[in-house]
Amino acid sequence: MHSRITITAALAAALFAGAAGAKVGPDEAAKLGKELTPVGAEKVGNKEGTIPEWTPGKQRGKLKGEYPNNPETDGDKPLYTITKGNIGQYVGKLSEGHKKLLNTYDSYKMNVYPSKRVVAWPDIIYQATAANATTCEMVGTDTPDNCKLGFPFPIPKSGAEPVWNHKLKFRGEAATRYNNQFIVQPNGAYQQTKIIEDVTFGYGSIKKPVPLTTTSGEFLKYLSKTVEPPRMAGTYILVHEKAGTGAAGRAAWLYSPGLKRIRRAPTVCCDNPYEGTDGHQFYDQVDMFNGVLERYNWKLVGKKEVFIPYNSNKIAGNTIKYKDLIRPKHINPELPRYELHRVWVVEATLKEGTSHTFKKRRFYIDEDSWNIALVDDYDNRDQLYQFQEGHVGFAANVMASFTVPEVIYHFTSGRYFITAAFNEDKPYDLTVSFSDDYFSASSVQKMTTK
């Protein structure tokens, strides 16, 4: 039973539609809000009852000072535990990364909880998503056209489209967050980096949405400042994230305290190491995946039932200290909450004539939130090289979803990397607003002289 892959009628149509992304017809779009949720997931649960029907959460809480929480799920107890000893019972519903962790470390396990499908979005996002279904098109892999505010491809037809749903998901107007990162050695020793990030969401702005077309594609602006450790303190990264590639795509700048000036940084891309991570996170692994898709061929494999970290409020909240989270070889297995959910499986295979550390990547994308929850990363020898795990949560205060923390396991070295943790700092501040010139190179240069 656990090895059965469930493929819906909508998915079957997608598989035979070819590689080109395209808008859907009115009849297919009419399924949104009926047999499909307003963002394209299947409303009903599975036949076994192990995945429930969608029961959207209600808005609650303030936009500042709210750690992840849900009284309706946070008191749940595990239904069962997956270990190396019983992996055979569940192998068909596990990612390759989780199989590798279970088979490699006797100390690793997965506590499985009742599945809860509570992710919901503002009504205006539902309305915009319905409009996008019949107007938004995918030009190549990097240019969504005629898309505005909502999820661009609620009924995806090509592999690139679910990834763009992840990249363009609603997250509020703007945010300031702490991002604590940890490089963890096999013996549990770790090095910590603290970053403060400011971001404004152009495409996802309800107040002033920026549409994406073939001629206009800037969908967010991002500025990070490293505050610890001392050797990295004062480093700034500025990004104008755009659809498209080359000169039409991402614009990035880097300020290094050693150089004392801000400069254009085309290396803020792809498999170049993110500043201060000592090579443990590539730029395109931030937020599970970001940046250009152009180096890969993208295939929509199908929809599958998979155990993914979900409703992960405990591991992301302020009751857990970093010392509680970090363990040798892997994070503390008592803290994550795993649930069975339907995911879209997308495979990216490196194009001939291009280069990347990862020859192939397999993405597991949650149907309800469009978050990339897991990624299997393969090297040029077709060996599983890294595994990314994003712990999915629902932010009821802003009616959006997130992955906190995110973990990258490095199988060749036995190290792992944690990012996006804010347990011992303040949670997201979603009340902030920024002027356009705040995210400019000249503004960052002035910040460094204060």
Protein backbone atom coordinates (compact mmCIF):
# COMPACT_ATOMS: atom_id res chain seq x y z
CA MET A 1 0.00 0.00 0.00
CA HIS A 2 2.77 2.41 0.94
CA SER A 3 4.46 2.06 -2.45
CA ARG A 4 1.43 3.09 -4.50
CA ILE A 5 1.76 6.36 -6.40
CA THR A 6 -1.52 8.21 -6.76
CA ILE A 7 -1.86 10.20 -9.96
CA THR A 8 -4.91 12.37 -10.46
CA ALA A 9 -6.76 13.02 -13.68
CA ALA A 10 -5.36 16.53 -13.75
CA LEU A 11 -1.84 15.17 -13.38
CA ALA A 12 -2.34 12.64 -16.16
CA ALA A 13 -3.34 15.47 -18.45
CA ALA A 14 -0.25 17.39 -17.41
CA LEU A 15 2.05 14.50 -18.21
CA PHE A 16 0.76 14.27 -21.77
CA ALA A 17 0.71 18.00 -22.38
CA GLY A 18 4.38 18.19 -23.35
CA ALA A 19 7.17 20.35 -21.99
CA ALA A 20 5.80 23.75 -22.97
CA GLY A 21 4.07 25.69 -20.20
CA ALA A 22 0.64 27.00 -21.10
CA LYS A 23 -2.45 28.54 -19.55
CA VAL A 24 -5.42 26.22 -19.06
CA GLY A 25 -8.88 26.51 -20.53
CA PRO A 26 -11.94 27.84 -18.68
CA ASP A 27 -13.35 24.35 -18.05
CA GLU A 28 -10.18 23.16 -16.34
CA ALA A 29 -9.77 26.43 -14.43
CA ALA A 30 -13.35 26.04 -13.15
CA LYS A 31 -12.15 23.13 -10.97
CA LEU A 32 -10.39 25.64 -8.71
CA GLY A 33 -12.44 26.11 -5.55
CA LYS A 34 -14.48 22.99 -6.31
CA GLU A 35 -12.76 19.60 -6.59
CA LEU A 36 -9.47 21.50 -6.35
CA THR A 37 -8.61 24.01 -3.66
CA PRO A 38 -8.36 27.64 -4.81
CA VAL A 39 -4.60 27.16 -5.35
CA GLY A 40 -4.83 23.82 -7.17
CA ALA A 41 -4.48 21.04 -4.57
CA GLU A 42 -6.90 18.12 -4.38
CA LYS A 43 -9.56 19.00 -1.81
CA VAL A 44 -10.34 15.43 -0.78
CA GLY A 45 -8.13 13.17 1.26
CA ASN A 46 -6.80 9.83 0.11
CA LYS A 47 -8.76 6.55 0.10
CA GLU A 48 -6.88 5.19 3.11
CA GLY A 49 -7.76 8.21 5.25
CA THR A 50 -4.08 8.84 6.02
CA ILE A 51 -4.26 12.19 4.20
CA PRO A 52 -7.32 14.24 5.21
CA GLU A 53 -9.41 16.66 3.23
CA TRP A 54 -8.30 20.29 3.14
CA THR A 55 -9.57 22.25 6.16
CA PRO A 56 -8.13 25.77 5.75
CA GLY A 57 -6.92 27.60 8.81
CA LYS A 58 -8.35 30.93 9.91
CA GLN A 59 -6.45 34.18 10.27
CA ARG A 60 -5.28 34.90 13.79
CA GLY A 61 -2.42 36.65 15.55
CA LYS A 62 -0.45 39.83 15.01
CA LEU A 63 1.95 40.59 12.19
CA LYS A 64 4.80 41.13 14.64
CA GLY A 65 6.04 39.00 17.54
CA GLU A 66 4.33 35.74 16.54
CA TYR A 67 6.32 32.54 16.74
CA PRO A 68 4.89 29.58 14.78
CA ASN A 69 2.03 28.00 16.69
CA ASN A 70 -1.26 26.18 16.27
CA PRO A 71 -3.12 25.00 19.39
CA GLU A 72 -5.05 22.46 17.30
CA THR A 73 -1.91 20.56 16.25
CA ASP A 74 0.85 21.39 18.71
CA GLY A 75 -0.39 18.90 21.34
CA ASP A 76 -0.51 15.93 18.97
CA LYS A 77 1.42 12.74 19.73
CA PRO A 78 3.24 10.66 17.09
CA LEU A 79 1.26 7.87 15.43
CA TYR A 80 4.40 5.81 14.78
CA THR A 81 8.13 6.12 14.18
CA ILE A 82 10.08 5.19 11.05
CA THR A 83 13.52 3.76 11.78
CA LYS A 84 16.24 1.82 10.01
CA GLY A 85 14.64 -1.34 11.36
CA ASN A 86 11.18 -0.83 9.85
CA ILE A 87 12.01 1.28 6.79
CA GLY A 88 10.75 -1.49 4.51
CA GLN A 89 7.15 -0.79 5.57
CA TYR A 90 7.33 2.83 4.37
CA VAL A 91 9.99 2.87 1.66
CA GLY A 92 7.55 3.78 -1.14
CA LYS A 93 6.59 7.01 0.62
CA LEU A 94 10.10 8.22 1.47
CA SER A 95 12.38 10.55 -0.45
CA GLU A 96 15.79 9.20 -1.39
CA GLY A 97 17.31 11.64 1.09
CA HIS A 98 15.31 10.27 4.00
CA LYS A 99 16.11 6.70 2.97
CA LYS A 100 19.80 7.61 3.00
CA LEU A 101 19.60 9.19 6.47
CA LEU A 102 17.69 6.22 7.90
CA ASN A 103 20.03 3.65 6.38
CA THR A 104 23.22 5.56 7.30
CA TYR A 105 22.59 6.56 10.93
CA ASP A 106 21.16 4.21 13.55
CA SER A 107 20.35 7.30 15.63
CA TYR A 108 18.11 8.81 12.93
CA LYS A 109 14.34 8.34 12.99
CA MET A 110 11.18 10.03 11.76
CA ASN A 111 8.27 10.58 14.15
CA VAL A 112 5.08 10.58 12.07
CA TYR A 113 2.09 12.61 13.26
CA PRO A 114 -1.53 12.92 12.07
CA SER A 115 -1.61 14.82 8.78
CA LYS A 116 -3.26 18.25 8.98
CA ARG A 117 -3.95 20.31 5.87
CA VAL A 118 -4.46 23.82 7.27
CA VAL A 119 -2.45 26.03 4.90
CA ALA A 120 -4.65 28.86 3.61
CA TRP A 121 -4.24 32.18 1.84
CA PRO A 122 -6.09 35.52 1.67
CA ASP A 123 -9.18 35.59 -0.56
CA ILE A 124 -7.51 38.04 -2.92
CA ILE A 125 -4.77 35.48 -3.57
CA TYR A 126 -7.44 32.92 -4.46
CA GLN A 127 -9.07 35.36 -6.87
CA ALA A 128 -5.77 36.27 -8.49
CA THR A 129 -4.81 32.60 -8.79
CA ALA A 130 -8.06 31.83 -10.60
CA ALA A 131 -7.38 34.67 -13.05
CA ASN A 132 -3.79 33.49 -13.60
CA ALA A 133 -4.95 29.98 -14.51
CA THR A 134 -6.34 31.19 -17.83
CA THR A 135 -3.92 34.05 -18.55
CA CYS A 136 -0.47 33.19 -17.18
CA GLU A 137 1.96 31.38 -19.47
CA MET A 138 5.49 30.04 -19.04
CA VAL A 139 7.93 31.34 -21.66
CA GLY A 140 10.90 28.98 -21.58
CA THR A 141 11.88 28.21 -17.99
CA ASP A 142 12.49 31.69 -16.60
CA THR A 143 9.81 34.08 -17.83
CA PRO A 144 6.25 33.87 -16.53
CA ASP A 145 4.05 36.09 -18.73
CA ASN A 146 0.70 37.75 -17.96
CA CYS A 147 0.77 36.80 -14.26
CA LYS A 148 -0.40 38.93 -11.36
CA LEU A 149 -0.32 38.48 -7.57
CA GLY A 150 -1.62 34.92 -7.17
CA PHE A 151 0.01 31.56 -7.83
CA PRO A 152 0.84 31.66 -11.55
CA PHE A 153 0.25 27.97 -12.37
CA PRO A 154 -2.31 26.34 -10.04
CA ILE A 155 -2.82 23.51 -12.57
CA PRO A 156 0.78 22.95 -13.75
CA LYS A 157 1.61 21.49 -17.15
CA SER A 158 5.43 21.53 -17.09
CA GLY A 159 8.20 20.99 -14.58
CA ALA A 160 9.20 24.64 -14.31
CA GLU A 161 5.71 25.77 -13.30
CA PRO A 162 5.51 24.27 -9.77
CA VAL A 163 8.94 25.77 -9.06
CA TRP A 164 7.65 29.21 -10.06
CA ASN A 165 4.64 28.69 -7.79
CA HIS A 166 7.14 28.19 -4.97
CA LYS A 167 9.17 31.25 -5.94
CA LEU A 168 6.16 33.57 -6.28
CA LYS A 169 4.05 32.42 -3.33
CA PHE A 170 2.42 35.13 -1.22
CA ARG A 171 4.41 36.04 1.92
CA GLY A 172 2.98 39.42 2.90
CA GLU A 173 4.04 42.89 1.83
CA ALA A 174 7.51 42.98 3.39
CA ALA A 175 9.46 41.37 6.22
CA THR A 176 12.46 41.64 8.50
CA ARG A 177 13.79 38.40 9.91
CA TYR A 178 16.73 36.94 11.78
CA ASN A 179 18.46 34.11 9.97
CA ASN A 180 20.75 31.98 12.13
CA GLN A 181 22.93 29.51 10.27
CA PHE A 182 24.99 26.61 11.63
CA ILE A 183 27.71 24.49 10.05
CA VAL A 184 27.58 21.30 12.11
CA GLN A 185 30.52 18.89 12.22
CA PRO A 186 29.98 15.11 12.46
CA ASN A 187 30.80 15.25 16.19
CA GLY A 188 28.15 17.93 16.83
CA ALA A 189 30.50 20.92 17.11
CA TYR A 190 29.15 23.91 15.21
CA GLN A 191 29.91 27.35 13.87
CA GLN A 192 27.12 29.95 14.00
CA THR A 193 26.42 32.87 11.69
CA LYS A 194 23.75 35.48 12.41
CA ILE A 195 22.17 37.45 9.57
CA ILE A 196 19.39 40.07 9.52
CA GLU A 197 17.37 40.11 6.31
CA ASP A 198 14.99 42.72 4.88
CA VAL A 199 12.79 41.86 1.93
CA THR A 200 9.93 43.45 0.05
CA PHE A 201 7.62 41.46 -2.21
CA GLY A 202 6.64 43.25 -5.41
CA TYR A 203 4.75 40.49 -7.18
CA GLY A 204 3.09 39.31 -3.97
CA SER A 205 2.10 42.76 -2.75
CA ILE A 206 -1.67 43.04 -2.22
CA LYS A 207 -1.39 46.82 -1.90
CA LYS A 208 0.59 47.38 -5.09
CA PRO A 209 1.19 44.16 -7.04
CA VAL A 210 3.85 44.13 -9.76
CA PRO A 211 2.67 41.97 -12.69
CA LEU A 212 5.11 39.68 -14.47
CA THR A 213 5.31 39.92 -18.25
CA THR A 214 7.97 39.29 -20.86
CA THR A 215 9.08 42.91 -20.45
CA SER A 216 8.74 43.42 -16.68
CA GLY A 217 9.70 40.89 -14.09
CA GLU A 218 11.08 42.22 -10.78
CA PHE A 219 9.26 40.32 -8.05
CA LEU A 220 11.23 40.96 -4.85
CA LYS A 221 14.09 42.95 -3.36
CA TYR A 222 16.34 41.56 -0.66
CA LEU A 223 19.06 42.94 1.63
CA SER A 224 21.03 40.92 4.17
CA LYS A 225 23.51 42.09 6.78
CA THR A 226 25.81 39.65 8.59
CA VAL A 227 26.24 40.58 12.26
CA GLU A 228 28.15 37.53 13.56
CA PRO A 229 30.83 36.09 13.61
CA PRO A 230 33.24 39.06 13.76
CA ARG A 231 35.20 37.94 10.69
CA MET A 232 32.03 38.24 8.56
CA ALA A 233 30.29 41.09 10.38
CA GLY A 234 29.36 44.00 8.17
CA THR A 235 28.93 41.96 4.98
CA TYR A 236 25.89 43.02 2.93
CA ILE A 237 24.21 41.23 0.03
CA LEU A 238 21.68 43.14 -2.07
CA VAL A 239 19.49 41.39 -4.64
CA HIS A 240 16.86 42.59 -7.08
CA GLU A 241 15.15 39.34 -8.00
CA LYS A 242 13.74 39.32 -11.52
CA ALA A 243 12.23 36.88 -13.96
CA GLY A 244 14.40 36.21 -16.99
CA THR A 245 18.07 35.36 -17.42
CA GLY A 246 21.31 37.22 -18.05
CA ALA A 247 21.09 41.01 -18.01
CA ALA A 248 17.29 40.81 -17.82
CA GLY A 249 17.38 38.61 -14.72
CA ARG A 250 18.77 38.92 -11.21
CA ALA A 251 20.84 41.95 -10.28
CA ALA A 252 23.04 41.55 -7.20
CA TRP A 253 25.63 43.51 -5.22
CA LEU A 254 28.05 42.56 -2.45
CA TYR A 255 29.59 44.81 0.20
CA SER A 256 32.72 43.41 1.82
CA PRO A 257 34.13 45.17 4.93
CA GLY A 258 37.61 44.40 3.65
CA LEU A 259 37.06 46.30 0.38
CA LYS A 260 34.85 48.96 2.01
CA ARG A 261 32.77 49.36 -1.12
CA ILE A 262 29.75 47.78 -2.71
CA ARG A 263 30.18 46.14 -6.10
CA ARG A 264 28.13 44.21 -8.61
CA ALA A 265 28.18 40.50 -7.87
CA PRO A 266 27.21 38.26 -10.78
CA THR A 267 28.49 35.34 -8.67
CA VAL A 268 25.39 35.62 -6.44
CA CYS A 269 23.97 32.80 -8.50
CA CYS A 270 23.63 29.11 -9.00
CA ASP A 271 26.23 26.84 -7.37
CA ASN A 272 28.50 29.56 -6.08
CA PRO A 273 28.76 29.30 -2.27
CA TYR A 274 26.69 31.75 -0.26
CA GLU A 275 28.93 34.18 1.64
CA GLY A 276 29.98 32.87 5.04
CA THR A 277 28.70 29.30 4.59
CA ASP A 278 32.12 27.82 3.77
CA GLY A 279 30.57 26.11 0.77
CA HIS A 280 27.78 24.40 2.71
CA GLN A 281 25.00 26.29 0.89
CA PHE A 282 24.88 27.42 -2.71
CA TYR A 283 23.08 30.61 -3.66
CA ASP A 284 20.39 28.70 -5.50
CA GLN A 285 19.67 26.58 -2.40
CA VAL A 286 18.44 29.60 -0.42
CA ASP A 287 14.71 29.20 0.26
CA MET A 288 15.14 25.59 -0.94
CA PHE A 289 15.55 26.85 -4.53
CA ASN A 290 15.77 30.28 -6.07
CA GLY A 291 17.34 32.01 -9.05
CA VAL A 292 17.45 30.91 -12.68
CA LEU A 293 16.17 27.58 -13.97
CA GLU A 294 17.93 27.84 -17.34
CA ARG A 295 20.73 25.32 -16.67
CA TYR A 296 18.31 22.42 -16.34
CA ASN A 297 15.65 20.51 -18.23
CA TRP A 298 12.55 20.36 -16.02
CA LYS A 299 10.20 17.38 -15.95
CA LEU A 300 6.87 17.11 -14.16
CA VAL A 301 7.15 13.51 -12.94
CA GLY A 302 3.85 13.16 -11.11
CA LYS A 303 2.09 13.48 -7.81
CA LYS A 304 3.01 11.16 -4.97
CA GLU A 305 2.28 10.57 -1.29
CA VAL A 306 5.45 11.32 0.69
CA PHE A 307 6.41 11.90 4.32
CA ILE A 308 7.54 15.51 4.66
CA PRO A 309 8.22 17.78 7.67
CA TYR A 310 4.95 19.64 8.24
CA ASN A 311 3.19 21.83 10.80
CA SER A 312 6.66 22.13 12.28
CA ASN A 313 5.86 24.74 14.91
CA LYS A 314 7.88 23.18 17.73
CA ILE A 315 11.15 23.00 15.83
CA ALA A 316 10.74 26.60 14.61
CA GLY A 317 9.47 28.16 17.85
CA ASN A 318 11.08 29.86 20.82
CA THR A 319 10.71 26.92 23.23
CA ILE A 320 13.59 25.15 21.47
CA LYS A 321 17.17 26.32 21.91
CA TYR A 322 19.83 25.82 19.28
CA LYS A 323 21.67 23.44 21.57
CA ASP A 324 18.48 21.33 21.67
CA LEU A 325 18.24 21.27 17.88
CA ILE A 326 21.83 20.38 17.01
CA ARG A 327 23.10 16.82 17.35
CA PRO A 328 25.99 14.88 15.76
CA LYS A 329 25.31 13.78 12.17
CA HIS A 330 21.72 15.12 12.01
CA ILE A 331 19.29 17.38 13.83
CA ASN A 332 17.63 16.12 17.00
CA PRO A 333 15.12 13.53 15.68
CA GLU A 334 12.70 14.19 18.56
CA LEU A 335 11.89 17.69 17.31
CA PRO A 336 10.63 17.43 13.70
CA ARG A 337 7.01 16.59 12.93
CA TYR A 338 6.58 14.42 9.83
CA GLU A 339 3.25 13.97 8.09
CA LEU A 340 2.05 12.18 4.98
CA HIS A 341 1.12 14.63 2.21
CA ARG A 342 0.67 14.69 -1.53
CA VAL A 343 3.53 16.37 -3.33
CA TRP A 344 4.35 17.23 -6.90
CA VAL A 345 7.58 15.51 -7.92
CA VAL A 346 9.72 17.55 -10.32
CA GLU A 347 13.08 16.46 -11.71
CA ALA A 348 15.70 18.86 -13.03
CA THR A 349 18.43 17.36 -15.24
CA LEU A 350 21.48 19.38 -16.19
CA LYS A 351 21.47 20.53 -19.81
CA GLU A 352 24.31 19.49 -22.06
CA GLY A 353 26.83 22.30 -22.38
CA THR A 354 26.03 23.83 -18.97
CA SER A 355 27.61 23.24 -15.59
CA HIS A 356 26.48 22.82 -11.99
CA THR A 357 27.64 20.77 -9.01
CA PHE A 358 24.30 18.95 -9.15
CA LYS A 359 23.73 16.85 -12.26
CA LYS A 360 20.16 16.08 -11.18
CA ARG A 361 17.77 17.44 -8.57
CA ARG A 362 14.49 15.91 -7.48
CA PHE A 363 12.05 18.34 -5.88
CA TYR A 364 9.11 17.37 -3.64
CA ILE A 365 6.64 20.27 -3.67
CA ASP A 366 3.71 20.35 -1.25
CA GLU A 367 0.37 20.54 -3.11
CA ASP A 368 -1.29 22.83 -0.52
CA SER A 369 1.42 25.44 0.02
CA TRP A 370 3.59 25.08 -3.12
CA ASN A 371 6.59 25.02 -0.76
CA ILE A 372 9.54 22.94 -1.86
CA ALA A 373 9.75 20.64 1.15
CA LEU A 374 12.54 18.24 0.10
CA VAL A 375 15.27 18.10 -2.55
CA ASP A 376 17.45 15.13 -3.52
CA ASP A 377 20.68 16.51 -5.04
CA TYR A 378 22.84 14.20 -7.21
CA ASP A 379 26.44 14.74 -8.26
CA ASN A 380 28.05 14.07 -11.65
CA ARG A 381 28.54 10.41 -10.73
CA ASP A 382 24.78 10.04 -10.19
CA GLN A 383 25.33 9.62 -6.45
CA LEU A 384 23.08 11.27 -3.87
CA TYR A 385 25.37 14.08 -2.79
CA GLN A 386 23.17 16.34 -0.66
CA PHE A 387 19.65 16.33 0.76
CA GLN A 388 17.63 19.46 1.55
CA GLU A 389 14.80 19.44 4.06
CA GLY A 390 12.48 22.42 4.63
CA HIS A 391 10.14 22.23 7.62
CA VAL A 392 6.77 23.49 6.38
CA GLY A 393 4.64 25.71 8.58
CA PHE A 394 1.53 27.88 8.32
CA ALA A 395 1.73 31.52 9.43
CA ALA A 396 -1.88 32.23 10.41
CA ASN A 397 -1.08 35.88 11.16
CA VAL A 398 -0.31 36.69 7.52
CA MET A 399 -2.12 33.70 5.93
CA ALA A 400 0.96 32.31 4.21
CA SER A 401 3.36 29.39 4.47
CA PHE A 402 7.09 29.04 5.07
CA THR A 403 9.91 26.53 5.63
CA VAL A 404 11.73 27.06 8.95
CA PRO A 405 14.31 25.81 9.55
CA GLU A 406 15.93 24.45 6.41
CA VAL A 407 18.61 21.75 6.63
CA ILE A 408 21.17 20.60 4.05
CA TYR A 409 22.81 17.22 4.68
CA HIS A 410 26.24 16.66 3.08
CA PHE A 411 26.66 12.92 2.71
CA THR A 412 30.31 12.87 1.64
CA SER A 413 31.58 14.79 4.68
CA GLY A 414 29.00 13.86 7.31
CA ARG A 415 28.40 17.56 8.01
CA TYR A 416 25.07 19.34 7.81
CA PHE A 417 23.97 22.95 7.52
CA ILE A 418 21.01 24.66 9.21
CA THR A 419 19.60 27.95 7.96
CA ALA A 420 16.58 30.24 8.51
CA ALA A 421 16.41 29.52 12.26
CA PHE A 422 15.25 32.30 14.61
CA ASN A 423 14.38 30.33 17.76
CA GLU A 424 16.50 32.52 20.07
CA ASP A 425 15.79 35.79 18.28
CA LYS A 426 12.68 37.72 17.35
CA PRO A 427 10.24 36.14 14.87
CA TYR A 428 9.38 37.72 11.51
CA ASP A 429 8.29 41.36 11.61
CA LEU A 430 5.66 41.68 8.88
CA THR A 431 4.69 45.26 9.77
CA VAL A 432 7.77 46.82 8.17
CA SER A 433 7.75 48.83 4.97
CA PHE A 434 10.65 50.05 2.85
CA SER A 435 11.10 52.77 0.28
CA ASP A 436 12.36 51.76 -3.15
CA ASP A 437 15.68 53.50 -2.63
CA TYR A 438 16.33 51.47 0.54
CA PHE A 439 17.24 48.56 -1.75
CA SER A 440 19.82 50.47 -3.77
CA ALA A 441 23.60 50.15 -3.90
CA SER A 442 24.08 53.76 -2.85
CA SER A 443 21.82 53.27 0.16
CA VAL A 444 23.81 50.22 1.28
CA GLN A 445 27.08 52.12 0.88
CA LYS A 446 25.72 54.83 3.17
CA MET A 447 24.65 52.23 5.77
CA THR A 448 28.25 51.04 6.07
CA THR A 449 29.51 54.48 7.06
CA LYS A 450 27.07 54.97 9.95
